Structure formats: C-alpha cells, structure tokens
Amino acid sequence: MLNELLCLFSSYPTLKVLSERRPDVPIYVGDTSRPVFWYLEQSKVKLTNIKVTPFGVWQNVDESLRFMILMDGVHPEIDTCIIVDYKGHMILNTVDCTRPNGGRLPQNVDLMMSDFAGGASGFPISFQGGKYSSSWKAEFIKNERKKLLNYKATLVKSL
C-alpha cells in the first residue's frame, strides 16, 4: 500500500505506465522550490492526484501509518527524505538526501536507509589521462568511501 501512496522519485517512463493504469493514484511530494515533476506537462504523463506536502508535517494515511517529508539541508530546492511511522516503528529513508532536515534528525528511529555512494556522477571512473590513473582512481574512491562511512556513522550516532 505504501508504494502506491508515496513517490519520492520516479522516471518518466515509469510514471507513464502508472498514469495509464492509475492516473488517480495519490503521489505525495515535498514542497520544494523546484517542482518535483519539472517536465510532467511536456512528457504527456497524466497524473491527477499529486499532493504537494509541506516539510515537517505528519501526513496520516490511516490509524497505523503516517509519514513526514523532510527537506535536504544541502539541496533543499530538489532533494528530500522521508520518515515513516508504521505502528510505532520509525523508518527514516535518507536516500538522495545529503543532509537530512538540515542535520536535525528525528529521535527513536528503528531503521535508517541511506545512500551507499558519494554521488550519482561517473567521477572519477569516466575520467582518463593526466592524474586519473587506475591507482589514483582507486585511492580516491577508497578515501571517498571512508568519508562517506564516517559521515553516516556520525549521522546514525545522532539518532
């Protein structure tokens, strides 16, 4: 049921299939300064029940399920995260969110899901020549993984 109600990020081909099957499915998005579905009109995808939700306000689905969309402290115009409370179990999903809620995280989280990479681009793997040798890339990736792990460990300790 939750996957029918919440959509943090989807590709337009996926949204097209969804719109053909259930154009009225409720889709909740954060109230970012840049609309989440920037190219929806041009894409010809017809979704009729997109709900722009304010940050930091619980949205009740039923007596057992509620959720809250939180903004990203680094990219508040486009990135969000979500906390779900299901029967008292708190799930925090920070995938695609660099600094969830500006670093002010909810307490008593039971499960945190986070990104596992330091970014979406191909850097440095797609770069070649000059300093971008195989050994330089390996060392860079090793250091970036350490930084990411330390950041996530600090984040989890604050929960």
Protein backbone atom coordinates (compact mmCIF):
# COMPACT_ATOMS: atom_id res chain seq x y z
CA MET A 1 0.00 0.00 0.00
CA LEU A 2 2.77 2.44 0.87
CA ASN A 3 4.38 2.09 -2.55
CA GLU A 4 1.07 3.22 -4.06
CA LEU A 5 0.93 6.29 -1.84
CA LEU A 6 4.45 7.66 -1.80
CA CYS A 7 6.66 8.64 -4.66
CA LEU A 8 9.93 10.38 -3.88
CA PHE A 9 11.50 9.93 -7.27
CA SER A 10 10.41 8.14 -10.41
CA SER A 11 11.43 8.11 -14.02
CA TYR A 12 9.04 9.45 -16.61
CA PRO A 13 8.70 6.06 -18.38
CA THR A 14 7.61 4.55 -15.04
CA LEU A 15 5.22 7.42 -14.41
CA LYS A 16 3.77 6.98 -17.90
CA VAL A 17 2.93 3.34 -17.18
CA LEU A 18 1.48 4.33 -13.81
CA SER A 19 -0.64 7.07 -15.38
CA GLU A 20 -2.06 4.62 -17.91
CA ARG A 21 -3.05 2.18 -15.16
CA ARG A 22 -3.98 4.51 -12.27
CA PRO A 23 -3.83 8.23 -13.12
CA ASP A 24 -5.59 8.99 -9.81
CA VAL A 25 -3.09 7.24 -7.52
CA PRO A 26 -2.10 9.60 -4.68
CA ILE A 27 1.51 10.79 -5.06
CA TYR A 28 2.97 12.88 -2.25
CA VAL A 29 5.94 15.16 -2.93
CA GLY A 30 7.75 17.72 -0.80
CA ASP A 31 7.10 21.41 -1.32
CA THR A 32 10.46 22.09 -2.96
CA SER A 33 11.18 25.36 -4.75
CA ARG A 34 11.71 23.43 -7.97
CA PRO A 35 8.68 21.29 -8.81
CA VAL A 36 9.42 17.60 -8.37
CA PHE A 37 7.83 16.73 -11.70
CA TRP A 38 9.50 19.53 -13.66
CA TYR A 39 8.76 18.08 -17.10
CA LEU A 40 5.46 16.38 -16.36
CA GLU A 41 3.37 18.56 -18.68
CA GLN A 42 5.81 18.22 -21.59
CA SER A 43 6.09 14.45 -21.03
CA LYS A 44 2.35 13.97 -21.69
CA VAL A 45 2.10 11.93 -18.47
CA LYS A 46 -1.37 12.45 -17.00
CA LEU A 47 -1.39 12.13 -13.21
CA THR A 48 -4.38 13.67 -11.47
CA ASN A 49 -3.63 13.30 -7.75
CA ILE A 50 -0.20 14.82 -6.98
CA LYS A 51 -0.20 16.28 -3.48
CA VAL A 52 2.45 18.86 -2.64
CA THR A 53 3.17 18.34 1.04
CA PRO A 54 4.76 20.87 3.42
CA PHE A 55 8.02 19.84 5.05
CA GLY A 56 7.96 18.62 8.63
CA VAL A 57 4.22 17.95 8.87
CA TRP A 58 2.91 14.45 9.60
CA GLN A 59 0.57 13.11 6.92
CA ASN A 60 -1.83 10.48 8.29
CA VAL A 61 -2.66 7.64 5.94
CA ASP A 62 -4.67 5.62 8.47
CA GLU A 63 -4.58 4.84 12.22
CA SER A 64 -1.40 2.75 11.81
CA LEU A 65 0.53 4.65 9.17
CA ARG A 66 1.81 8.20 8.85
CA PHE A 67 4.73 9.85 7.10
CA MET A 68 6.60 13.14 7.04
CA ILE A 69 8.69 14.57 4.21
CA LEU A 70 11.83 16.42 5.30
CA MET A 71 14.00 18.70 3.18
CA ASP A 72 17.67 18.30 2.41
CA GLY A 73 19.90 20.88 4.07
CA VAL A 74 22.31 20.95 1.12
CA HIS A 75 19.91 20.83 -1.87
CA PRO A 76 16.55 21.98 -0.43
CA GLU A 77 15.29 23.03 -3.84
CA ILE A 78 15.29 19.47 -5.20
CA ASP A 79 16.11 16.77 -2.61
CA THR A 80 14.05 15.35 0.23
CA CYS A 81 13.94 12.45 2.64
CA ILE A 82 11.06 10.74 4.39
CA ILE A 83 10.28 9.32 7.79
CA VAL A 84 7.56 6.70 8.05
CA ASP A 85 5.85 5.71 11.29
CA TYR A 86 4.10 2.36 10.99
CA LYS A 87 2.52 1.10 14.21
CA GLY A 88 5.16 2.91 16.24
CA HIS A 89 8.13 1.71 14.16
CA MET A 90 10.09 4.62 12.71
CA ILE A 91 11.80 4.21 9.33
CA LEU A 92 13.99 7.03 8.04
CA ASN A 93 14.83 6.94 4.33
CA THR A 94 17.61 9.43 3.51
CA VAL A 95 18.50 8.08 0.06
CA ASP A 96 19.10 11.01 -2.31
CA CYS A 97 19.43 13.43 0.61
CA THR A 98 22.82 14.82 1.56
CA ARG A 99 21.94 16.46 4.89
CA PRO A 100 18.51 15.28 6.06
CA ASN A 101 16.43 18.04 7.61
CA GLY A 102 19.50 20.25 7.86
CA GLY A 103 21.05 17.79 10.32
CA ARG A 104 18.13 17.88 12.77
CA LEU A 105 17.13 14.23 12.74
CA PRO A 106 14.15 12.54 14.36
CA GLN A 107 14.70 10.57 17.57
CA ASN A 108 13.96 6.87 18.18
CA VAL A 109 14.43 5.74 14.59
CA ASP A 110 14.26 1.93 14.26
CA LEU A 111 15.63 1.64 10.72
CA MET A 112 17.60 4.13 8.66
CA MET A 113 18.07 3.64 4.93
CA SER A 114 20.75 5.78 3.32
CA ASP A 115 22.70 6.22 0.14
CA PHE A 116 25.66 3.98 -0.42
CA ALA A 117 27.67 6.07 -2.85
CA GLY A 118 29.15 9.52 -2.74
CA GLY A 119 27.26 10.81 -5.75
CA ALA A 120 25.48 9.97 -8.95
CA SER A 121 28.09 11.02 -11.48
CA GLY A 122 30.77 8.86 -13.07
CA PHE A 123 33.61 10.81 -11.48
CA PRO A 124 36.38 9.76 -11.38
CA ILE A 125 35.85 6.47 -13.24
CA SER A 126 34.86 8.12 -16.52
CA PHE A 127 37.89 10.47 -16.50
CA GLN A 128 41.09 9.44 -18.27
CA GLY A 129 44.61 10.73 -18.76
CA GLY A 130 46.75 13.02 -16.63
CA LYS A 131 46.40 12.32 -12.93
CA TYR A 132 43.45 9.96 -13.50
CA SER A 133 45.47 6.73 -13.46
CA SER A 134 43.96 3.49 -12.20
CA SER A 135 45.90 3.80 -8.95
CA TRP A 136 44.81 7.44 -8.44
CA LYS A 137 41.16 6.46 -9.01
CA ALA A 138 41.42 3.54 -6.60
CA GLU A 139 42.92 5.76 -3.89
CA PHE A 140 40.32 8.48 -4.49
CA ILE A 141 37.44 6.01 -4.24
CA LYS A 142 38.94 4.45 -1.10
CA ASN A 143 39.17 7.89 0.57
CA GLU A 144 35.65 8.88 -0.53
CA ARG A 145 34.23 5.65 0.88
CA LYS A 146 35.94 6.35 4.21
CA LYS A 147 34.50 9.87 4.29
CA LEU A 148 31.01 8.57 3.44
CA LEU A 149 31.23 5.84 6.10
CA ASN A 150 32.40 8.33 8.74
CA TYR A 151 29.63 10.74 7.80
CA LYS A 152 26.98 8.02 8.01
CA ALA A 153 28.36 6.73 11.32
CA THR A 154 28.15 10.24 12.76
CA LEU A 155 24.62 10.60 11.40
CA VAL A 156 23.49 7.30 12.92
CA LYS A 157 25.04 8.16 16.31
CA SER A 158 22.97 11.33 16.36
CA LEU A 159 19.78 9.29 16.02
